[in-house]
């Protein structure tokens, strides 16, 4: 699971999880204190299927 900057050609700004997990519900904290306000894409890949959602970060 990763976070990309929507403005900077999709540059990855954070990797939140880089491991396989068993099926279930999980919570992952993202400390975005070092990032500027803006729109970010949070991307999740499961079994080769990508899902991305847009999130607005405000200071």
C-alpha atoms as a PDB file:
ATOM      1  CA  UNK A   1       0.000   0.000   0.000  1.00  0.00           C
ATOM      2  CA  UNK A   2       1.499   3.303  -1.027  1.00  0.00           C
ATOM      3  CA  UNK A   3       0.751   7.010  -1.243  1.00  0.00           C
ATOM      4  CA  UNK A   4       1.542   9.036  -4.355  1.00  0.00           C
ATOM      5  CA  UNK A   5       1.604  12.761  -4.939  1.00  0.00           C
ATOM      6  CA  UNK A   6      -1.121  13.547  -7.485  1.00  0.00           C
ATOM      7  CA  UNK A   7       0.730  16.614  -8.791  1.00  0.00           C
ATOM      8  CA  UNK A   8       4.358  15.433  -9.129  1.00  0.00           C
ATOM      9  CA  UNK A   9       3.932  12.815 -11.872  1.00  0.00           C
ATOM     10  CA  UNK A  10       2.657  10.313  -9.318  1.00  0.00           C
ATOM     11  CA  UNK A  11       5.857  10.238  -7.264  1.00  0.00           C
ATOM     12  CA  UNK A  12       5.622   7.816  -4.332  1.00  0.00           C
ATOM     13  CA  UNK A  13       5.839   9.815  -1.102  1.00  0.00           C
ATOM     14  CA  UNK A  14       5.139   7.029   1.410  1.00  0.00           C
ATOM     15  CA  UNK A  15       4.960   3.252   1.593  1.00  0.00           C
ATOM     16  CA  UNK A  16       2.457   2.280   4.260  1.00  0.00           C
ATOM     17  CA  UNK A  17       2.621  -1.497   4.007  1.00  0.00           C
ATOM     18  CA  UNK A  18       4.874  -3.860   2.094  1.00  0.00           C
ATOM     19  CA  UNK A  19       3.799  -7.283   3.296  1.00  0.00           C
ATOM     20  CA  UNK A  20       1.203  -9.956   2.715  1.00  0.00           C
ATOM     21  CA  UNK A  21      -1.625 -10.149   5.233  1.00  0.00           C
ATOM     22  CA  UNK A  22      -4.342 -12.719   5.869  1.00  0.00           C
ATOM     23  CA  UNK A  23      -7.878 -11.710   4.939  1.00  0.00           C
ATOM     24  CA  UNK A  24      -9.460  -9.379   7.475  1.00  0.00           C
ATOM     25  CA  UNK A  25      -9.864  -5.760   8.505  1.00  0.00           C
ATOM     26  CA  UNK A  26      -6.796  -3.666   9.262  1.00  0.00           C
ATOM     27  CA  UNK A  27      -6.010  -0.103  10.267  1.00  0.00           C
ATOM     28  CA  UNK A  28      -2.847   1.628   9.091  1.00  0.00           C
ATOM     29  CA  UNK A  29      -1.750   5.015  10.433  1.00  0.00           C
ATOM     30  CA  UNK A  30      -0.183   7.519   8.048  1.00  0.00           C
ATOM     31  CA  UNK A  31       1.918  10.294   9.562  1.00  0.00           C
ATOM     32  CA  UNK A  32       1.801  12.952   6.839  1.00  0.00           C
ATOM     33  CA  UNK A  33       3.295  15.764   8.948  1.00  0.00           C
ATOM     34  CA  UNK A  34       6.253  16.211   6.579  1.00  0.00           C
ATOM     35  CA  UNK A  35       4.084  16.558   3.458  1.00  0.00           C
ATOM     36  CA  UNK A  36       2.551  19.674   1.950  1.00  0.00           C
ATOM     37  CA  UNK A  37      -1.184  20.207   1.638  1.00  0.00           C
ATOM     38  CA  UNK A  38      -2.564  18.768  -1.577  1.00  0.00           C
ATOM     39  CA  UNK A  39      -4.213  15.793  -3.216  1.00  0.00           C
ATOM     40  CA  UNK A  40      -2.672  12.358  -2.776  1.00  0.00           C
ATOM     41  CA  UNK A  41      -3.577   8.988  -4.265  1.00  0.00           C
ATOM     42  CA  UNK A  42      -3.598   6.037  -1.868  1.00  0.00           C
ATOM     43  CA  UNK A  43      -3.070   2.804  -3.794  1.00  0.00           C
ATOM     44  CA  UNK A  44      -3.804  -0.735  -2.628  1.00  0.00           C
ATOM     45  CA  UNK A  45      -2.923  -3.827  -4.646  1.00  0.00           C
ATOM     46  CA  UNK A  46      -4.559  -7.157  -3.801  1.00  0.00           C
ATOM     47  CA  UNK A  47      -3.974 -10.288  -5.886  1.00  0.00           C
ATOM     48  CA  UNK A  48      -2.892  -8.212  -8.888  1.00  0.00           C
ATOM     49  CA  UNK A  49      -5.902  -5.872  -8.683  1.00  0.00           C
ATOM     50  CA  UNK A  50      -5.198  -2.186  -8.035  1.00  0.00           C
ATOM     51  CA  UNK A  51      -7.533   0.127  -6.165  1.00  0.00           C
ATOM     52  CA  UNK A  52      -6.738   3.822  -5.743  1.00  0.00           C
ATOM     53  CA  UNK A  53      -8.599   6.528  -3.860  1.00  0.00           C
ATOM     54  CA  UNK A  54      -7.889  10.239  -3.755  1.00  0.00           C
ATOM     55  CA  UNK A  55      -7.329  11.948  -0.421  1.00  0.00           C
ATOM     56  CA  UNK A  56      -7.010  15.650   0.321  1.00  0.00           C
ATOM     57  CA  UNK A  57      -4.392  16.566   2.911  1.00  0.00           C
ATOM     58  CA  UNK A  58      -4.824  19.923   4.651  1.00  0.00           C
ATOM     59  CA  UNK A  59      -2.477  21.502   7.150  1.00  0.00           C
END
